[in-house]
Protein backbone atom coordinates (compact mmCIF):
# COMPACT_ATOMS: atom_id res chain seq x y z
CA UNK A 1 93.87 9.26 81.64
CA UNK A 2 97.38 10.88 82.44
CA UNK A 3 96.27 13.82 84.65
CA UNK A 4 99.57 14.21 86.39
CA UNK A 5 103.14 16.36 85.17
CA UNK A 6 106.44 15.09 84.43
CA UNK A 7 109.06 16.72 84.15
CA UNK A 8 108.80 17.11 80.87
CA UNK A 9 105.68 18.79 81.15
CA UNK A 10 106.97 20.98 83.56
CA UNK A 11 109.94 22.02 81.02
CA UNK A 12 107.18 22.86 78.73
CA UNK A 13 105.52 24.83 80.38
CA UNK A 14 108.18 26.49 82.13
CA UNK A 15 107.50 29.09 84.93
CA UNK A 16 103.34 28.02 85.03
CA UNK A 17 101.89 25.82 87.38
CA UNK A 18 99.17 23.65 87.16
CA UNK A 19 97.00 25.67 89.84
CA UNK A 20 95.41 24.61 92.86
CA UNK A 21 94.10 20.46 92.64
CA UNK A 22 91.95 20.48 95.93
CA UNK A 23 90.99 17.19 95.76
CA UNK A 24 89.34 15.95 98.82
CA UNK A 25 89.04 12.47 100.10
CA UNK A 26 86.75 12.43 102.82
CA UNK A 27 83.32 14.22 101.55
CA UNK A 28 81.63 14.24 97.84
CA UNK A 29 80.38 17.20 96.89
CA UNK A 30 76.27 17.49 95.69
CA UNK A 31 76.30 16.80 91.74
CA UNK A 32 75.72 20.22 90.45
CA UNK A 33 72.48 21.39 89.10
CA UNK A 34 72.03 22.40 85.55
CA UNK A 35 68.52 21.53 84.60
CA UNK A 36 69.49 17.75 83.52
CA UNK A 37 71.25 15.05 84.73
CA UNK A 38 74.87 14.83 83.22
CA UNK A 39 75.93 11.47 82.84
CA UNK A 40 79.91 10.95 82.82
CA UNK A 41 81.42 12.33 79.54
CA UNK A 42 78.11 13.85 78.21
CA UNK A 43 76.74 17.20 78.12
CA UNK A 44 73.71 18.24 79.64
CA UNK A 45 71.84 21.37 78.44
CA UNK A 46 68.91 22.73 80.69
CA UNK A 47 65.49 23.35 79.21
CA UNK A 48 64.93 26.23 77.42
CA UNK A 49 62.93 28.05 74.77
CA UNK A 50 63.75 27.57 71.26
CA UNK A 51 67.29 28.70 70.10
CA UNK A 52 66.59 32.03 69.03
CA UNK A 53 65.13 32.85 72.40
CA UNK A 54 68.58 31.95 74.05
CA UNK A 55 72.27 32.35 74.26
CA UNK A 56 74.13 29.60 74.78
CA UNK A 57 77.01 29.63 77.35
CA UNK A 58 79.65 26.89 78.09
CA UNK A 59 80.54 24.81 81.29
CA UNK A 60 83.78 23.26 81.43
CA UNK A 61 84.90 21.64 84.72
CA UNK A 62 85.64 17.72 85.83
CA UNK A 63 82.71 15.94 86.79
CA UNK A 64 84.01 12.92 87.47
CA UNK A 65 87.77 12.06 88.10
CA UNK A 66 90.13 13.02 90.95
CA UNK A 67 89.04 17.17 90.19
CA UNK A 68 85.38 16.26 90.57
CA UNK A 69 84.86 16.91 94.09
CA UNK A 70 86.34 20.58 93.68
CA UNK A 71 85.02 21.34 90.29
CA UNK A 72 81.46 20.51 91.17
CA UNK A 73 80.85 23.42 93.47
CA UNK A 74 82.21 26.14 91.08
CA UNK A 75 79.60 24.18 88.60
CA UNK A 76 77.30 25.11 90.88
CA UNK A 77 78.30 28.43 91.61
CA UNK A 78 77.87 29.42 88.00
CA UNK A 79 74.18 27.86 87.54
CA UNK A 80 73.14 30.10 90.66
CA UNK A 81 74.79 33.32 88.74
CA UNK A 82 72.76 32.17 85.40
CA UNK A 83 69.63 31.16 87.37
CA UNK A 84 69.78 35.09 88.87
CA UNK A 85 70.06 36.72 85.68
CA UNK A 86 67.18 34.60 84.39
CA UNK A 87 65.38 35.40 87.00
CA UNK A 88 66.12 39.19 86.33
CA UNK A 89 64.88 38.78 82.63
CA UNK A 90 68.12 37.16 80.95
CA UNK A 91 70.45 38.98 78.87
CA UNK A 92 69.15 41.34 76.15
CA UNK A 93 65.78 39.47 76.26
CA UNK A 94 67.00 36.44 76.45
CA UNK A 95 67.86 33.88 78.50
CA UNK A 96 70.60 32.11 79.09
CA UNK A 97 71.01 28.30 78.22
CA UNK A 98 73.82 26.81 80.06
CA UNK A 99 75.44 23.28 78.28
CA UNK A 100 77.44 21.17 80.51
CA UNK A 101 80.42 19.37 79.59
CA UNK A 102 82.84 16.97 81.52
CA UNK A 103 86.26 17.34 81.85
CA UNK A 104 86.79 14.43 82.97
CA UNK A 105 90.01 15.34 85.13
CA UNK A 106 92.09 14.73 81.62
CA UNK A 107 93.79 17.53 79.52
CA UNK A 108 93.19 16.51 76.46
CA UNK A 109 89.61 15.76 77.63
CA UNK A 110 89.33 19.17 78.17
CA UNK A 111 90.68 20.51 74.88
CA UNK A 112 88.33 18.48 73.17
CA UNK A 113 85.19 19.36 74.94
CA UNK A 114 86.41 23.15 74.23
CA UNK A 115 86.47 22.35 70.68
CA UNK A 116 82.93 20.76 70.93
CA UNK A 117 81.21 23.62 72.63
CA UNK A 118 82.78 26.33 70.51
CA UNK A 119 82.29 24.63 67.06
CA UNK A 120 79.31 22.55 67.67
CA UNK A 121 77.58 24.16 69.81
CA UNK A 122 78.30 27.53 68.85
CA UNK A 123 78.58 29.01 72.41
CA UNK A 124 78.53 32.68 73.85
CA UNK A 125 81.32 31.86 75.65
CA UNK A 126 82.81 29.23 78.13
CA UNK A 127 83.26 28.83 81.82
CA UNK A 128 85.66 26.62 83.07
CA UNK A 129 88.84 24.75 84.01
CA UNK A 130 90.48 24.39 87.23
CA UNK A 131 93.81 23.75 86.83
CA UNK A 132 96.37 24.89 84.90
CA UNK A 133 97.13 21.78 83.56
CA UNK A 134 93.65 21.68 82.09
CA UNK A 135 93.35 25.83 81.41
CA UNK A 136 96.90 25.35 78.97
CA UNK A 137 95.46 22.42 77.22
CA UNK A 138 92.49 24.69 76.25
CA UNK A 139 94.16 27.69 75.48
CA UNK A 140 95.45 27.14 72.11
CA UNK A 141 91.76 25.97 70.97
CA UNK A 142 90.61 29.73 72.51
CA UNK A 143 93.16 31.19 70.63
CA UNK A 144 93.23 29.64 67.72
CA UNK A 145 89.07 29.91 67.09
CA UNK A 146 89.55 33.51 68.55
CA UNK A 147 86.85 32.35 71.24
CA UNK A 148 86.61 33.57 74.90
CA UNK A 149 86.97 31.35 78.42
CA UNK A 150 86.43 32.60 81.86
CA UNK A 151 88.72 30.84 84.27
CA UNK A 152 87.47 31.29 88.09
CA UNK A 153 90.87 29.78 90.10
CA UNK A 154 94.24 31.52 91.16
CA UNK A 155 97.00 30.93 89.59
CA UNK A 156 100.55 30.92 89.06
CA UNK A 157 100.30 34.15 86.64
CA UNK A 158 102.83 34.18 84.03
CA UNK A 159 100.49 34.40 81.58
CA UNK A 160 98.08 36.78 80.15
CA UNK A 161 96.17 35.74 77.19
CA UNK A 162 93.35 38.12 74.40
CA UNK A 163 91.29 35.12 74.60
CA UNK A 164 90.94 34.57 78.83
CA UNK A 165 89.28 36.64 81.54
CA UNK A 166 91.35 35.76 84.57
CA UNK A 167 88.37 36.13 87.98
CA UNK A 168 90.96 34.42 90.44
CA UNK A 169 94.11 35.42 92.64
CA UNK A 170 97.39 36.08 90.17
CA UNK A 171 100.14 35.56 92.63
CA UNK A 172 100.33 39.45 94.03
CA UNK A 173 97.12 38.92 95.15
CA UNK A 174 97.49 36.38 97.16
CA UNK A 175 100.96 34.20 97.64
CA UNK A 176 103.34 37.30 98.40
CA UNK A 177 101.39 39.28 100.69
CA UNK A 178 100.74 36.34 102.13
CA UNK A 179 104.81 35.97 102.67
CA UNK A 180 104.80 39.51 103.32
CA UNK A 181 101.67 38.77 106.73
CA UNK A 182 104.05 36.21 107.58
CA UNK A 183 107.06 37.96 107.87
CA UNK A 184 106.05 40.44 109.67
CA UNK A 185 104.14 38.17 112.34
CA UNK A 186 106.81 35.64 113.08
CA UNK A 187 109.94 37.92 112.50
CA UNK A 188 113.13 36.00 112.25
CA UNK A 189 111.35 32.75 111.59
CA UNK A 190 112.89 30.61 108.94
CA UNK A 191 111.05 29.42 106.19
CA UNK A 192 110.22 25.82 105.00
CA UNK A 193 108.46 25.25 101.64
CA UNK A 194 106.28 21.82 100.92
CA UNK A 195 104.60 21.68 97.93
CA UNK A 196 103.38 18.91 95.31
CA UNK A 197 105.52 17.75 92.36
CA UNK A 198 104.11 19.50 89.48
CA UNK A 199 104.01 23.56 88.23
CA UNK A 200 102.17 25.62 90.52
CA UNK A 201 104.02 24.43 93.53
CA UNK A 202 107.34 24.88 91.97
CA UNK A 203 106.93 27.92 90.47
CA UNK A 204 105.06 29.63 93.70
CA UNK A 205 108.04 29.13 95.16
CA UNK A 206 110.24 30.09 92.75
CA UNK A 207 108.87 33.34 93.62
CA UNK A 208 108.52 32.66 97.41
CA UNK A 209 112.55 32.14 97.51
CA UNK A 210 112.91 35.47 95.25
CA UNK A 211 110.56 37.52 97.22
CA UNK A 212 112.29 36.28 100.94
CA UNK A 213 115.52 37.15 99.17
CA UNK A 214 114.40 40.49 98.36
CA UNK A 215 113.37 41.45 101.65
CA UNK A 216 115.67 39.61 104.40
CA UNK A 217 113.90 36.41 104.78
CA UNK A 218 115.40 32.82 104.69
CA UNK A 219 114.10 29.71 103.53
CA UNK A 220 116.34 26.95 105.04
CA UNK A 221 114.19 23.53 103.03
CA UNK A 222 112.07 22.86 100.38
CA UNK A 223 110.58 19.59 99.65
CA UNK A 224 108.00 18.15 96.89
CA UNK A 225 105.75 14.94 97.28
CA UNK A 226 103.84 13.87 93.76
CA UNK A 227 100.63 14.29 93.27
CA UNK A 228 98.38 11.25 95.13
CA UNK A 229 101.03 10.52 97.88
CA UNK A 230 100.38 9.95 100.92
CA UNK A 231 103.55 9.25 102.33
CA UNK A 232 104.74 12.10 104.20
CA UNK A 233 106.62 10.89 106.57
CA UNK A 234 110.19 11.62 105.16
CA UNK A 235 109.17 15.23 104.23
CA UNK A 236 107.92 15.97 107.67
CA UNK A 237 111.21 14.27 108.96
CA UNK A 238 113.01 17.29 106.93
CA UNK A 239 111.37 20.28 108.58
CA UNK A 240 112.20 19.14 111.97
CA UNK A 241 115.55 18.54 110.93
CA UNK A 242 115.75 21.95 109.12
CA UNK A 243 113.48 23.55 111.78
CA UNK A 244 114.13 22.15 114.96
CA UNK A 245 113.12 24.82 117.19
CA UNK A 246 110.08 25.56 115.10
CA UNK A 247 109.28 27.84 111.85
CA UNK A 248 107.18 28.61 109.10
CA UNK A 249 105.86 26.28 106.85
CA UNK A 250 104.54 27.42 103.34
CA UNK A 251 101.92 24.71 101.67
CA UNK A 252 101.57 24.42 98.39
CA UNK A 253 100.31 21.00 98.71
CA UNK A 254 97.40 19.34 96.69
CA UNK A 255 94.86 17.19 97.09
CA UNK A 256 94.38 14.38 99.45
CA UNK A 257 97.89 14.65 100.15
CA UNK A 258 97.34 17.47 102.74
CA UNK A 259 95.09 14.78 104.48
CA UNK A 260 98.33 12.70 105.21
CA UNK A 261 100.23 16.05 105.95
CA UNK A 262 98.27 17.55 108.60
CA UNK A 263 97.45 14.37 110.67
CA UNK A 264 100.64 13.78 110.30
CA UNK A 265 102.21 17.07 111.72
CA UNK A 266 99.69 16.52 114.66
CA UNK A 267 100.83 13.27 115.38
CA UNK A 268 104.48 14.61 115.55
CA UNK A 269 103.69 17.05 117.98
CA UNK A 270 104.10 19.93 115.61
CA UNK A 271 101.15 21.92 116.39
CA UNK A 272 100.14 25.67 114.87
CA UNK A 273 101.59 27.06 117.71
CA UNK A 274 105.36 26.58 117.11
CA UNK A 275 104.79 25.45 113.84
CA UNK A 276 102.39 27.61 111.75
CA UNK A 277 101.00 26.44 108.07
CA UNK A 278 100.19 28.81 105.56
CA UNK A 279 98.20 27.23 102.97
CA UNK A 280 96.91 28.65 99.17
CA UNK A 281 95.10 25.49 98.34
CA UNK A 282 93.29 25.31 101.16
CA UNK A 283 89.35 26.39 101.61
CA UNK A 284 86.45 25.71 103.66
CA UNK A 285 85.40 22.34 101.65
CA UNK A 286 88.48 21.30 102.17
CA UNK A 287 88.49 21.61 105.62
CA UNK A 288 85.79 19.66 105.88
CA UNK A 289 86.97 17.07 104.33
CA UNK A 290 90.79 17.09 106.50
CA UNK A 291 89.22 17.82 109.94
CA UNK A 292 89.51 20.58 111.62
CA UNK A 293 90.66 19.70 114.62
CA UNK A 294 94.05 19.16 112.30
CA UNK A 295 93.98 22.58 110.97
CA UNK A 296 92.81 24.33 113.85
CA UNK A 297 95.26 27.90 114.35
CA UNK A 298 96.69 27.19 110.48
CA UNK A 299 96.04 29.70 108.35
CA UNK A 300 95.15 29.82 104.61
CA UNK A 301 95.14 32.61 102.06
CA UNK A 302 92.66 33.53 99.62
CA UNK A 303 90.55 36.66 98.38
CA UNK A 304 86.99 35.64 100.24
CA UNK A 305 85.50 33.44 102.58
CA UNK A 306 82.44 32.21 103.73
CA UNK A 307 82.64 34.72 106.91
CA UNK A 308 83.38 38.10 104.96
CA UNK A 309 80.71 40.75 106.59
CA UNK A 310 79.33 42.80 104.20
CA UNK A 311 75.69 42.47 102.54
CA UNK A 312 76.81 41.09 99.18
CA UNK A 313 78.86 37.90 101.02
CA UNK A 314 75.42 37.80 103.01
CA UNK A 315 73.18 37.32 99.95
CA UNK A 316 75.48 35.09 98.19
CA UNK A 317 75.98 32.90 100.78
CA UNK A 318 72.37 32.96 101.68
CA UNK A 319 71.38 31.96 97.83
CA UNK A 320 73.64 29.41 97.56
CA UNK A 321 72.83 27.38 100.65
CA UNK A 322 68.92 28.08 99.75
CA UNK A 323 69.34 26.21 96.29
CA UNK A 324 71.82 23.37 97.67
CA UNK A 325 71.09 22.75 101.15
CA UNK A 326 71.68 24.61 104.64
CA UNK A 327 75.06 22.18 105.28
CA UNK A 328 77.34 23.39 102.00
CA UNK A 329 79.52 25.80 102.16
CA UNK A 330 80.68 29.00 99.95
CA UNK A 331 84.23 29.11 98.84
CA UNK A 332 86.92 31.62 97.23
CA UNK A 333 87.10 29.75 93.54
CA UNK A 334 82.96 29.20 94.26
CA UNK A 335 82.92 33.09 94.62
CA UNK A 336 85.22 33.99 91.21
CA UNK A 337 82.82 31.59 89.22
CA UNK A 338 79.79 33.52 90.82
CA UNK A 339 81.43 36.85 89.49
CA UNK A 340 82.88 35.54 86.32
CA UNK A 341 79.10 34.92 85.07
CA UNK A 342 77.67 37.88 86.71
CA UNK A 343 80.89 40.50 84.18
CA UNK A 344 79.89 38.23 81.53
CA UNK A 345 76.36 38.97 81.44
CA UNK A 346 77.00 43.08 82.17
CA UNK A 347 79.64 43.14 79.63
CA UNK A 348 77.10 41.42 76.71
CA UNK A 349 74.41 44.10 77.73
CA UNK A 350 76.66 46.73 77.44
CA UNK A 351 78.38 45.47 74.37
CA UNK A 352 74.49 45.43 72.78
CA UNK A 353 75.31 41.36 71.25
CA UNK A 354 76.79 38.22 72.72
CA UNK A 355 78.12 36.88 69.52
CA UNK A 356 80.39 40.17 69.06
CA UNK A 357 83.43 38.99 71.27
CA UNK A 358 85.44 42.46 70.56
CA UNK A 359 83.17 44.27 71.84
CA UNK A 360 82.25 42.33 75.05
CA UNK A 361 85.77 42.09 75.66
CA UNK A 362 85.64 46.09 75.35
CA UNK A 363 82.72 46.37 77.33
CA UNK A 364 84.47 44.52 80.56
CA UNK A 365 87.36 46.34 81.00
CA UNK A 366 86.72 48.80 83.67
CA UNK A 367 83.44 47.16 84.73
CA UNK A 368 83.06 46.80 88.38
CA UNK A 369 80.72 44.20 89.95
CA UNK A 370 79.59 44.17 93.43
CA UNK A 371 81.17 41.11 94.81
CA UNK A 372 80.93 38.77 97.89
CA UNK A 373 84.37 39.39 98.74
CA UNK A 374 83.78 43.22 97.99
CA UNK A 375 83.74 45.88 94.40
CA UNK A 376 86.04 44.15 92.12
CA UNK A 377 86.93 45.74 88.82
CA UNK A 378 88.13 44.25 85.72
CA UNK A 379 91.72 45.35 84.35
CA UNK A 380 92.46 45.98 80.74
CA UNK A 381 95.06 42.94 81.18
CA UNK A 382 91.84 40.75 81.79
CA UNK A 383 93.01 40.07 85.79
CA UNK A 384 90.48 41.36 88.34
CA UNK A 385 91.21 44.18 91.09
CA UNK A 386 90.95 41.87 94.15
CA UNK A 387 90.85 41.92 97.83
CA UNK A 388 93.41 40.10 99.65
CA UNK A 389 92.58 37.98 103.09
CA UNK A 390 94.37 35.41 105.63
CA UNK A 391 92.35 33.54 107.64
CA UNK A 392 92.85 31.37 110.49
CA UNK A 393 91.19 28.20 110.22
CA UNK A 394 88.55 28.35 113.99
CA UNK A 395 86.14 25.88 115.73
CA UNK A 396 83.65 24.96 113.15
CA UNK A 397 85.73 24.74 110.29
CA UNK A 398 84.93 28.20 108.75
CA UNK A 399 87.67 30.97 109.26
CA UNK A 400 88.48 33.82 110.76
CA UNK A 401 89.69 36.65 108.70
CA UNK A 402 92.71 38.14 110.68
CA UNK A 403 94.19 40.22 107.56
CA UNK A 404 92.35 42.12 105.22
CA UNK A 405 93.21 45.00 102.48
CA UNK A 406 91.39 48.06 102.70
CA UNK A 407 91.16 48.11 99.19
CA UNK A 408 91.14 45.64 96.27
CA UNK A 409 94.98 45.06 95.06
CA UNK A 410 95.65 45.77 91.17
CA UNK A 411 96.78 42.55 89.38
CA UNK A 412 100.23 41.91 88.17
CA UNK A 413 100.21 38.79 85.90
CA UNK A 414 103.85 39.14 85.24
CA UNK A 415 105.94 38.25 88.15
CA UNK A 416 107.80 41.21 89.40
CA UNK A 417 110.08 39.21 91.90
CA UNK A 418 111.15 36.75 89.13
CA UNK A 419 113.87 38.67 87.48
CA UNK A 420 113.20 37.26 83.58
CA UNK A 421 109.41 39.30 84.40
CA UNK A 422 110.53 42.22 86.02
CA UNK A 423 109.07 44.95 84.58
CA UNK A 424 106.94 43.46 82.20
CA UNK A 425 102.98 44.18 82.25
CA UNK A 426 99.41 43.36 80.30
CA UNK A 427 97.22 45.74 78.61
CA UNK A 428 94.35 45.02 75.51
CA UNK A 429 92.92 47.97 75.67
CA UNK A 430 96.04 49.43 74.12
CA UNK A 431 96.89 46.80 70.63
CA UNK A 432 100.49 48.19 71.36
CA UNK A 433 100.88 47.11 74.20
CA UNK A 434 98.87 43.72 74.33
CA UNK A 435 99.89 40.49 76.30
CA UNK A 436 103.74 41.63 77.41
CA UNK A 437 105.33 44.91 77.10
CA UNK A 438 108.05 46.30 78.85
CA UNK A 439 106.42 49.03 82.06
CA UNK A 440 109.48 50.06 84.15
């Protein structure tokens, strides 16, 4: 299995990044409940009436391999949404039947499984992928077959496909506002950028450096660690040398490298008081896996935290725990996955057909949903308007929200700090504009 990007792949994908590979080495999430057991590499279908009485949808995530720990929880959230919709009468008088496929943490396998779901299973849509690498692998499948993928994870932007709805954050809904917040909170503090050595962190840091330059901030160092490598002492030494009096660390590390990184920071006497870390790939489950004692006082930027106080959030948390257990936690990617299933179902109801994908897409434009993060709206650029939040890790392993926007922030798929994409936008409600046009 080859699930890492080499330099060639990085150059091929240009300014895209491979999403937030949230790998955890210390905890194992329960197997998702799909109505049937799922063997590695095989599909599972929930018990359902005859084919004419159901609408089949695909769920395509890693149930095995390095990404399984993160993606299983997303599958759980998608199944919770399906259960809720079916309990309320289904869609157009039919029950939703989920056909779950295992991408096996292997990008070519994701493409193969996407073809199988579309051609063999005849699903109405697919909910799936986590890494941008897996999304990039299946994108040609969905575009060539004119089918529809719903993608739930914050990502690097620099993409706008007519065959994908993105319910995670674009950079202007996570990375950019977190940099602004850090610059305001830690005035005159210099930044050190550390990330895993693949597309997502490198492109995130490209955006951050351009943003800092535009706003008078300063980055004094940048370093990368290969995915899966836990030798972090050289990077810690570089950070201390570049920031001898302390400073801000912007963390785009992914996977279990984070465990070694935060433990070594503590062992080196680099506490959150002097070296605050902002992470964009660490959520509630990752805190449990790494250990709250290593993360307390550090920050993360997301659109949703389990601690968000509103009726929709409380309902989501209670329903998830009732289905999967009181010890389980919810997080931002799970919330985005939950949102997308409900928004798809609402769009199908409005369109009147599940298999008329053009009608479903049009029905989704402008649609709102009372999400756990707050009311969200699907834009004609296939991205959600989303709330921005920054959380501080506190005792108990959850996040105290220390910053949040009063309103949902409109998405900008094409980055406005990067010179090559500045001024570009996306609008599929207007055939003359489409996926990339010069807006300003």
